[in-house]
Amino acid sequence: MSDATGTTTTNYTFKTLAGTDTAGYTSINSIITSIDTKLDDRIFIAGMVILYDSITAPSGWVVDSTAGLPSIPATYSWIKKSTIT
């Protein structure tokens, strides 16, 4: 977190608030964003293929037309995690 000055946590390196920090929405939003990123990195592994409800893959994913996957409606796509972000 950019505005916290405390120590970092062991597992996810969240910055803690020091006694002199003012807790506010910036701190809380930073925590939420950090949790989201860390969970995404641990849940979706490189090479994982999932069904996605769009024909455009999100960042870090590529559309995968690997043979052997079931046919899907045109508004969906199979996407593969290409990188750990």
PDB file of N, CA and C in Angstrom:
ATOM      1  N   MET A   1       0.841  -1.176   0.000  1.00  0.00           N
ATOM      2  CA  MET A   1       0.000   0.000   0.000  1.00  0.00           C
ATOM      3  C   MET A   1       0.883   1.235   0.000  1.00  0.00           C
ATOM      4  N   SER A   2       0.536   2.153  -0.787  1.00  0.00           N
ATOM      5  CA  SER A   2       1.379   3.325  -0.934  1.00  0.00           C
ATOM      6  C   SER A   2       1.347   4.257   0.269  1.00  0.00           C
ATOM      7  N   ASP A   3       0.237   4.294   0.995  1.00  0.00           N
ATOM      8  CA  ASP A   3       0.145   5.266   2.083  1.00  0.00           C
ATOM      9  C   ASP A   3       0.318   4.666   3.472  1.00  0.00           C
ATOM     10  N   ALA A   4       0.521   3.366   3.568  1.00  0.00           N
ATOM     11  CA  ALA A   4       0.731   2.737   4.870  1.00  0.00           C
ATOM     12  C   ALA A   4       2.226   2.708   5.173  1.00  0.00           C
ATOM     13  N   THR A   5       2.562   2.858   6.426  1.00  0.00           N
ATOM     14  CA  THR A   5       3.979   2.906   6.793  1.00  0.00           C
ATOM     15  C   THR A   5       4.375   1.809   7.780  1.00  0.00           C
ATOM     16  N   GLY A   6       3.443   0.898   8.067  1.00  0.00           N
ATOM     17  CA  GLY A   6       3.749  -0.193   8.993  1.00  0.00           C
ATOM     18  C   GLY A   6       4.537  -1.299   8.320  1.00  0.00           C
ATOM     19  N   THR A   7       4.713  -2.385   9.032  1.00  0.00           N
ATOM     20  CA  THR A   7       5.452  -3.533   8.505  1.00  0.00           C
ATOM     21  C   THR A   7       4.580  -4.324   7.532  1.00  0.00           C
ATOM     22  N   THR A   8       5.201  -5.226   6.771  1.00  0.00           N
ATOM     23  CA  THR A   8       4.448  -6.059   5.842  1.00  0.00           C
ATOM     24  C   THR A   8       4.086  -7.384   6.499  1.00  0.00           C
ATOM     25  N   THR A   9       2.969  -7.975   6.045  1.00  0.00           N
ATOM     26  CA  THR A   9       2.553  -9.269   6.570  1.00  0.00           C
ATOM     27  C   THR A   9       3.404 -10.375   5.973  1.00  0.00           C
ATOM     28  N   THR A  10       3.425 -11.523   6.625  1.00  0.00           N
ATOM     29  CA  THR A  10       4.276 -12.631   6.228  1.00  0.00           C
ATOM     30  C   THR A  10       3.861 -13.280   4.913  1.00  0.00           C
ATOM     31  N   ASN A  11       2.585 -13.601   4.775  1.00  0.00           N
ATOM     32  CA  ASN A  11       2.159 -14.389   3.619  1.00  0.00           C
ATOM     33  C   ASN A  11       1.919 -13.594   2.352  1.00  0.00           C
ATOM     34  N   TYR A  12       1.267 -12.456   2.456  1.00  0.00           N
ATOM     35  CA  TYR A  12       0.882 -11.709   1.254  1.00  0.00           C
ATOM     36  C   TYR A  12       1.535 -10.346   1.145  1.00  0.00           C
ATOM     37  N   THR A  13       2.453 -10.036   2.002  1.00  0.00           N
ATOM     38  CA  THR A  13       3.172  -8.756   2.024  1.00  0.00           C
ATOM     39  C   THR A  13       2.258  -7.537   1.987  1.00  0.00           C
ATOM     40  N   PHE A  14       1.121  -7.614   2.707  1.00  0.00           N
ATOM     41  CA  PHE A  14       0.274  -6.438   2.863  1.00  0.00           C
ATOM     42  C   PHE A  14       0.986  -5.483   3.816  1.00  0.00           C
ATOM     43  N   LYS A  15       0.992  -4.213   3.497  1.00  0.00           N
ATOM     44  CA  LYS A  15       1.545  -3.219   4.412  1.00  0.00           C
ATOM     45  C   LYS A  15       0.531  -2.970   5.513  1.00  0.00           C
ATOM     46  N   THR A  16       0.979  -2.978   6.734  1.00  0.00           N
ATOM     47  CA  THR A  16       0.089  -2.699   7.864  1.00  0.00           C
ATOM     48  C   THR A  16       0.111  -1.201   8.164  1.00  0.00           C
ATOM     49  N   LEU A  17      -0.866  -0.760   8.931  1.00  0.00           N
ATOM     50  CA  LEU A  17      -0.907   0.635   9.332  1.00  0.00           C
ATOM     51  C   LEU A  17      -0.111   0.835  10.609  1.00  0.00           C
ATOM     52  N   ALA A  18       0.690   1.848  10.632  1.00  0.00           N
ATOM     53  CA  ALA A  18       1.409   2.213  11.846  1.00  0.00           C
ATOM     54  C   ALA A  18       0.481   3.069  12.691  1.00  0.00           C
ATOM     55  N   GLY A  19       0.814   3.269  13.938  1.00  0.00           N
ATOM     56  CA  GLY A  19      -0.018   4.061  14.831  1.00  0.00           C
ATOM     57  C   GLY A  19      -0.221   5.488  14.354  1.00  0.00           C
ATOM     58  N   THR A  20       0.691   5.982  13.541  1.00  0.00           N
ATOM     59  CA  THR A  20       0.595   7.360  13.049  1.00  0.00           C
ATOM     60  C   THR A  20      -0.141   7.461  11.710  1.00  0.00           C
ATOM     61  N   ASP A  21      -0.484   6.317  11.086  1.00  0.00           N
ATOM     62  CA  ASP A  21      -1.195   6.328   9.805  1.00  0.00           C
ATOM     63  C   ASP A  21      -2.667   6.636  10.004  1.00  0.00           C
ATOM     64  N   THR A  22      -3.244   7.297   9.029  1.00  0.00           N
ATOM     65  CA  THR A  22      -4.678   7.556   9.026  1.00  0.00           C
ATOM     66  C   THR A  22      -5.323   6.535   8.101  1.00  0.00           C
ATOM     67  N   ALA A  23      -6.184   5.685   8.662  1.00  0.00           N
ATOM     68  CA  ALA A  23      -6.868   4.680   7.837  1.00  0.00           C
ATOM     69  C   ALA A  23      -7.948   5.378   7.030  1.00  0.00           C
ATOM     70  N   GLY A  24      -7.949   5.159   5.745  1.00  0.00           N
ATOM     71  CA  GLY A  24      -8.938   5.774   4.883  1.00  0.00           C
ATOM     72  C   GLY A  24      -9.207   4.895   3.682  1.00  0.00           C
ATOM     73  N   TYR A  25     -10.014   5.383   2.772  1.00  0.00           N
ATOM     74  CA  TYR A  25     -10.408   4.567   1.632  1.00  0.00           C
ATOM     75  C   TYR A  25      -9.224   4.162   0.764  1.00  0.00           C
ATOM     76  N   THR A  26      -8.190   4.983   0.674  1.00  0.00           N
ATOM     77  CA  THR A  26      -7.031   4.617  -0.138  1.00  0.00           C
ATOM     78  C   THR A  26      -6.371   3.365   0.414  1.00  0.00           C
ATOM     79  N   SER A  27      -6.207   3.286   1.709  1.00  0.00           N
ATOM     80  CA  SER A  27      -5.608   2.117   2.342  1.00  0.00           C
ATOM     81  C   SER A  27      -6.465   0.880   2.111  1.00  0.00           C
ATOM     82  N   ILE A  28      -7.754   1.021   2.323  1.00  0.00           N
ATOM     83  CA  ILE A  28      -8.663  -0.117   2.178  1.00  0.00           C
ATOM     84  C   ILE A  28      -8.734  -0.564   0.723  1.00  0.00           C
ATOM     85  N   ASN A  29      -8.800   0.376  -0.212  1.00  0.00           N
ATOM     86  CA  ASN A  29      -8.815   0.011  -1.631  1.00  0.00           C
ATOM     87  C   ASN A  29      -7.527  -0.695  -2.038  1.00  0.00           C
ATOM     88  N   SER A  30      -6.420  -0.272  -1.489  1.00  0.00           N
ATOM     89  CA  SER A  30      -5.142  -0.928  -1.787  1.00  0.00           C
ATOM     90  C   SER A  30      -5.139  -2.368  -1.291  1.00  0.00           C
ATOM     91  N   ILE A  31      -5.699  -2.596  -0.125  1.00  0.00           N
ATOM     92  CA  ILE A  31      -5.783  -3.952   0.421  1.00  0.00           C
ATOM     93  C   ILE A  31      -6.656  -4.825  -0.473  1.00  0.00           C
ATOM     94  N   ILE A  32      -7.811  -4.317  -0.875  1.00  0.00           N
ATOM     95  CA  ILE A  32      -8.724  -5.084  -1.723  1.00  0.00           C
ATOM     96  C   ILE A  32      -8.050  -5.434  -3.047  1.00  0.00           C
ATOM     97  N   THR A  33      -7.379  -4.477  -3.662  1.00  0.00           N
ATOM     98  CA  THR A  33      -6.685  -4.725  -4.927  1.00  0.00           C
ATOM     99  C   THR A  33      -5.569  -5.748  -4.741  1.00  0.00           C
ATOM    100  N   SER A  34      -4.827  -5.637  -3.659  1.00  0.00           N
ATOM    101  CA  SER A  34      -3.736  -6.568  -3.397  1.00  0.00           C
ATOM    102  C   SER A  34      -4.251  -7.989  -3.188  1.00  0.00           C
ATOM    103  N   ILE A  35      -5.321  -8.147  -2.434  1.00  0.00           N
ATOM    104  CA  ILE A  35      -5.921  -9.470  -2.207  1.00  0.00           C
ATOM    105  C   ILE A  35      -6.384 -10.058  -3.535  1.00  0.00           C
ATOM    106  N   ASP A  36      -7.035  -9.241  -4.352  1.00  0.00           N
ATOM    107  CA  ASP A  36      -7.515  -9.695  -5.657  1.00  0.00           C
ATOM    108  C   ASP A  36      -6.365 -10.217  -6.520  1.00  0.00           C
ATOM    109  N   THR A  37      -5.286  -9.471  -6.566  1.00  0.00           N
ATOM    110  CA  THR A  37      -4.128  -9.868  -7.375  1.00  0.00           C
ATOM    111  C   THR A  37      -3.490 -11.143  -6.846  1.00  0.00           C
ATOM    112  N   LYS A  38      -3.279 -11.216  -5.542  1.00  0.00           N
ATOM    113  CA  LYS A  38      -2.647 -12.393  -4.948  1.00  0.00           C
ATOM    114  C   LYS A  38      -3.489 -13.640  -5.147  1.00  0.00           C
ATOM    115  N   LEU A  39      -4.800 -13.548  -4.965  1.00  0.00           N
ATOM    116  CA  LEU A  39      -5.671 -14.709  -5.167  1.00  0.00           C
ATOM    117  C   LEU A  39      -5.678 -15.149  -6.619  1.00  0.00           C
ATOM    118  N   ASP A  40      -5.731 -14.192  -7.538  1.00  0.00           N
ATOM    119  CA  ASP A  40      -5.699 -14.530  -8.960  1.00  0.00           C
ATOM    120  C   ASP A  40      -4.418 -15.280  -9.305  1.00  0.00           C
ATOM    121  N   ASP A  41      -3.286 -14.834  -8.780  1.00  0.00           N
ATOM    122  CA  ASP A  41      -2.006 -15.490  -9.043  1.00  0.00           C
ATOM    123  C   ASP A  41      -1.962 -16.914  -8.502  1.00  0.00           C
ATOM    124  N   ARG A  42      -2.676 -17.181  -7.424  1.00  0.00           N
ATOM    125  CA  ARG A  42      -2.620 -18.501  -6.799  1.00  0.00           C
ATOM    126  C   ARG A  42      -3.706 -19.451  -7.274  1.00  0.00           C
ATOM    127  N   ILE A  43      -4.829 -18.919  -7.726  1.00  0.00           N
ATOM    128  CA  ILE A  43      -5.940 -19.765  -8.158  1.00  0.00           C
ATOM    129  C   ILE A  43      -5.827 -20.138  -9.623  1.00  0.00           C
ATOM    130  N   PHE A  44      -5.484 -19.179 -10.470  1.00  0.00           N
ATOM    131  CA  PHE A  44      -5.381 -19.426 -11.900  1.00  0.00           C
ATOM    132  C   PHE A  44      -3.918 -19.626 -12.257  1.00  0.00           C
ATOM    133  N   ILE A  45      -3.544 -20.860 -12.581  1.00  0.00           N
ATOM    134  CA  ILE A  45      -2.150 -21.175 -12.863  1.00  0.00           C
ATOM    135  C   ILE A  45      -1.892 -21.164 -14.364  1.00  0.00           C
ATOM    136  N   ALA A  46      -0.650 -20.916 -14.746  1.00  0.00           N
ATOM    137  CA  ALA A  46      -0.277 -20.897 -16.160  1.00  0.00           C
ATOM    138  C   ALA A  46      -0.634 -22.230 -16.805  1.00  0.00           C
ATOM    139  N   GLY A  47      -1.256 -22.171 -17.979  1.00  0.00           N
ATOM    140  CA  GLY A  47      -1.661 -23.368 -18.698  1.00  0.00           C
ATOM    141  C   GLY A  47      -3.083 -23.809 -18.413  1.00  0.00           C
ATOM    142  N   MET A  48      -3.718 -23.243 -17.398  1.00  0.00           N
ATOM    143  CA  MET A  48      -5.096 -23.597 -17.064  1.00  0.00           C
ATOM    144  C   MET A  48      -6.029 -23.132 -18.184  1.00  0.00           C
ATOM    145  N   VAL A  49      -6.993 -23.977 -18.567  1.00  0.00           N
ATOM    146  CA  VAL A  49      -7.970 -23.624 -19.597  1.00  0.00           C
ATOM    147  C   VAL A  49      -9.349 -23.575 -18.950  1.00  0.00           C
ATOM    148  N   ILE A  50     -10.080 -22.464 -19.193  1.00  0.00           N
ATOM    149  CA  ILE A  50     -11.436 -22.312 -18.658  1.00  0.00           C
ATOM    150  C   ILE A  50     -12.360 -21.775 -19.742  1.00  0.00           C
ATOM    151  N   LEU A  51     -13.660 -21.931 -19.524  1.00  0.00           N
ATOM    152  CA  LEU A  51     -14.663 -21.363 -20.412  1.00  0.00           C
ATOM    153  C   LEU A  51     -14.931 -19.930 -19.970  1.00  0.00           C
ATOM    154  N   TYR A  52     -14.907 -19.005 -20.920  1.00  0.00           N
ATOM    155  CA  TYR A  52     -15.054 -17.580 -20.607  1.00  0.00           C
ATOM    156  C   TYR A  52     -16.244 -17.021 -21.363  1.00  0.00           C
ATOM    157  N   ASP A  53     -16.974 -16.113 -20.743  1.00  0.00           N
ATOM    158  CA  ASP A  53     -18.218 -15.613 -21.341  1.00  0.00           C
ATOM    159  C   ASP A  53     -18.016 -14.430 -22.291  1.00  0.00           C
ATOM    160  N   SER A  54     -16.916 -14.429 -22.990  1.00  0.00           N
ATOM    161  CA  SER A  54     -16.633 -13.414 -23.995  1.00  0.00           C
ATOM    162  C   SER A  54     -15.707 -14.031 -25.035  1.00  0.00           C
ATOM    163  N   ILE A  55     -15.650 -13.438 -26.206  1.00  0.00           N
ATOM    164  CA  ILE A  55     -14.729 -13.953 -27.224  1.00  0.00           C
ATOM    165  C   ILE A  55     -13.374 -13.263 -27.146  1.00  0.00           C
ATOM    166  N   THR A  56     -13.244 -12.281 -26.263  1.00  0.00           N
ATOM    167  CA  THR A  56     -11.986 -11.576 -26.054  1.00  0.00           C
ATOM    168  C   THR A  56     -11.409 -11.969 -24.697  1.00  0.00           C
ATOM    169  N   ALA A  57     -10.180 -12.444 -24.679  1.00  0.00           N
ATOM    170  CA  ALA A  57      -9.549 -12.881 -23.429  1.00  0.00           C
ATOM    171  C   ALA A  57      -9.074 -11.678 -22.609  1.00  0.00           C
ATOM    172  N   PRO A  58      -9.180 -11.767 -21.276  1.00  0.00           N
ATOM    173  CA  PRO A  58      -8.652 -10.692 -20.421  1.00  0.00           C
ATOM    174  C   PRO A  58      -7.125 -10.736 -20.377  1.00  0.00           C
ATOM    175  N   SER A  59      -6.523  -9.724 -19.802  1.00  0.00           N
ATOM    176  CA  SER A  59      -5.069  -9.634 -19.687  1.00  0.00           C
ATOM    177  C   SER A  59      -4.492 -10.877 -19.005  1.00  0.00           C
ATOM    178  N   GLY A  60      -3.409 -11.404 -19.536  1.00  0.00           N
ATOM    179  CA  GLY A  60      -2.762 -12.580 -18.967  1.00  0.00           C
ATOM    180  C   GLY A  60      -3.336 -13.891 -19.463  1.00  0.00           C
ATOM    181  N   TRP A  61      -4.338 -13.825 -20.328  1.00  0.00           N
ATOM    182  CA  TRP A  61      -4.995 -15.006 -20.878  1.00  0.00           C
ATOM    183  C   TRP A  61      -4.965 -14.921 -22.399  1.00  0.00           C
ATOM    184  N   VAL A  62      -5.006 -16.058 -23.069  1.00  0.00           N
ATOM    185  CA  VAL A  62      -5.100 -16.103 -24.526  1.00  0.00           C
ATOM    186  C   VAL A  62      -6.255 -17.012 -24.911  1.00  0.00           C
ATOM    187  N   VAL A  63      -6.918 -16.699 -26.023  1.00  0.00           N
ATOM    188  CA  VAL A  63      -7.968 -17.575 -26.526  1.00  0.00           C
ATOM    189  C   VAL A  63      -7.294 -18.865 -26.974  1.00  0.00           C
ATOM    190  N   ASP A  64      -7.842 -19.997 -26.553  1.00  0.00           N
ATOM    191  CA  ASP A  64      -7.252 -21.302 -26.846  1.00  0.00           C
ATOM    192  C   ASP A  64      -8.243 -22.146 -27.635  1.00  0.00           C
ATOM    193  N   SER A  65      -7.876 -22.499 -28.833  1.00  0.00           N
ATOM    194  CA  SER A  65      -8.743 -23.339 -29.668  1.00  0.00           C
ATOM    195  C   SER A  65      -8.198 -24.755 -29.733  1.00  0.00           C
ATOM    196  N   THR A  66      -7.705 -25.247 -28.610  1.00  0.00           N
ATOM    197  CA  THR A  66      -7.121 -26.576 -28.517  1.00  0.00           C
ATOM    198  C   THR A  66      -8.120 -27.642 -28.966  1.00  0.00           C
ATOM    199  N   ALA A  67      -7.655 -28.538 -29.827  1.00  0.00           N
ATOM    200  CA  ALA A  67      -8.510 -29.633 -30.305  1.00  0.00           C
ATOM    201  C   ALA A  67      -8.945 -30.497 -29.125  1.00  0.00           C
ATOM    202  N   GLY A  68     -10.162 -31.015 -29.205  1.00  0.00           N
ATOM    203  CA  GLY A  68     -10.657 -31.897 -28.166  1.00  0.00           C
ATOM    204  C   GLY A  68     -11.558 -31.226 -27.161  1.00  0.00           C
ATOM    205  N   LEU A  69     -11.611 -29.901 -27.166  1.00  0.00           N
ATOM    206  CA  LEU A  69     -12.507 -29.208 -26.258  1.00  0.00           C
ATOM    207  C   LEU A  69     -13.907 -29.184 -26.868  1.00  0.00           C
ATOM    208  N   PRO A  70     -14.956 -29.263 -26.060  1.00  0.00           N
ATOM    209  CA  PRO A  70     -16.319 -29.265 -26.581  1.00  0.00           C
ATOM    210  C   PRO A  70     -16.646 -27.975 -27.339  1.00  0.00           C
ATOM    211  N   SER A  71     -17.557 -28.067 -28.280  1.00  0.00           N
ATOM    212  CA  SER A  71     -18.031 -26.888 -29.001  1.00  0.00           C
ATOM    213  C   SER A  71     -18.799 -25.994 -28.033  1.00  0.00           C
ATOM    214  N   ILE A  72     -18.699 -24.691 -28.266  1.00  0.00           N
ATOM    215  CA  ILE A  72     -19.357 -23.724 -27.388  1.00  0.00           C
ATOM    216  C   ILE A  72     -20.052 -22.661 -28.239  1.00  0.00           C
ATOM    217  N   PRO A  73     -21.030 -21.938 -27.656  1.00  0.00           N
ATOM    218  CA  PRO A  73     -21.687 -20.865 -28.400  1.00  0.00           C
ATOM    219  C   PRO A  73     -20.691 -19.787 -28.836  1.00  0.00           C
ATOM    220  N   ALA A  74     -21.018 -19.073 -29.886  1.00  0.00           N
ATOM    221  CA  ALA A  74     -20.119 -18.070 -30.464  1.00  0.00           C
ATOM    222  C   ALA A  74     -19.771 -16.930 -29.512  1.00  0.00           C
ATOM    223  N   THR A  75     -20.572 -16.679 -28.503  1.00  0.00           N
ATOM    224  CA  THR A  75     -20.293 -15.575 -27.575  1.00  0.00           C
ATOM    225  C   THR A  75     -19.346 -15.986 -26.442  1.00  0.00           C
ATOM    226  N   TYR A  76     -18.910 -17.231 -26.442  1.00  0.00           N
ATOM    227  CA  TYR A  76     -17.990 -17.741 -25.424  1.00  0.00           C
ATOM    228  C   TYR A  76     -16.670 -18.136 -26.075  1.00  0.00           C
ATOM    229  N   SER A  77     -15.650 -18.336 -25.264  1.00  0.00           N
ATOM    230  CA  SER A  77     -14.382 -18.859 -25.778  1.00  0.00           C
ATOM    231  C   SER A  77     -13.686 -19.667 -24.688  1.00  0.00           C
ATOM    232  N   TRP A  78     -12.825 -20.573 -25.128  1.00  0.00           N
ATOM    233  CA  TRP A  78     -11.928 -21.262 -24.210  1.00  0.00           C
ATOM    234  C   TRP A  78     -10.710 -20.363 -24.085  1.00  0.00           C
ATOM    235  N   ILE A  79     -10.307 -20.055 -22.863  1.00  0.00           N
ATOM    236  CA  ILE A  79      -9.122 -19.225 -22.678  1.00  0.00           C
ATOM    237  C   ILE A  79      -8.112 -19.974 -21.826  1.00  0.00           C
ATOM    238  N   LYS A  80      -6.855 -19.694 -22.078  1.00  0.00           N
ATOM    239  CA  LYS A  80      -5.756 -20.337 -21.350  1.00  0.00           C
ATOM    240  C   LYS A  80      -4.931 -19.259 -20.644  1.00  0.00           C
ATOM    241  N   LYS A  81      -4.611 -19.530 -19.385  1.00  0.00           N
ATOM    242  CA  LYS A  81      -3.763 -18.617 -18.612  1.00  0.00           C
ATOM    243  C   LYS A  81      -2.361 -18.687 -19.206  1.00  0.00           C
ATOM    244  N   SER A  82      -1.894 -17.565 -19.733  1.00  0.00           N
ATOM    245  CA  SER A  82      -0.595 -17.559 -20.399  1.00  0.00           C
ATOM    246  C   SER A  82       0.548 -17.169 -19.494  1.00  0.00           C
ATOM    247  N   THR A  83       0.259 -16.339 -18.488  1.00  0.00           N
ATOM    248  CA  THR A  83       1.310 -15.857 -17.595  1.00  0.00           C
ATOM    249  C   THR A  83       0.791 -15.721 -16.184  1.00  0.00           C
ATOM    250  N   ILE A  84       1.692 -15.692 -15.254  1.00  0.00           N
ATOM    251  CA  ILE A  84       1.343 -15.328 -13.880  1.00  0.00           C
ATOM    252  C   ILE A  84       1.587 -13.826 -13.793  1.00  0.00           C
ATOM    253  N   THR A  85       0.538 -13.074 -13.470  1.00  0.00           N
ATOM    254  CA  THR A  85       0.646 -11.614 -13.447  1.00  0.00           C
ATOM    255  C   THR A  85       1.007 -11.120 -12.077  1.00  0.00           C
TER     256      THR A  85
END
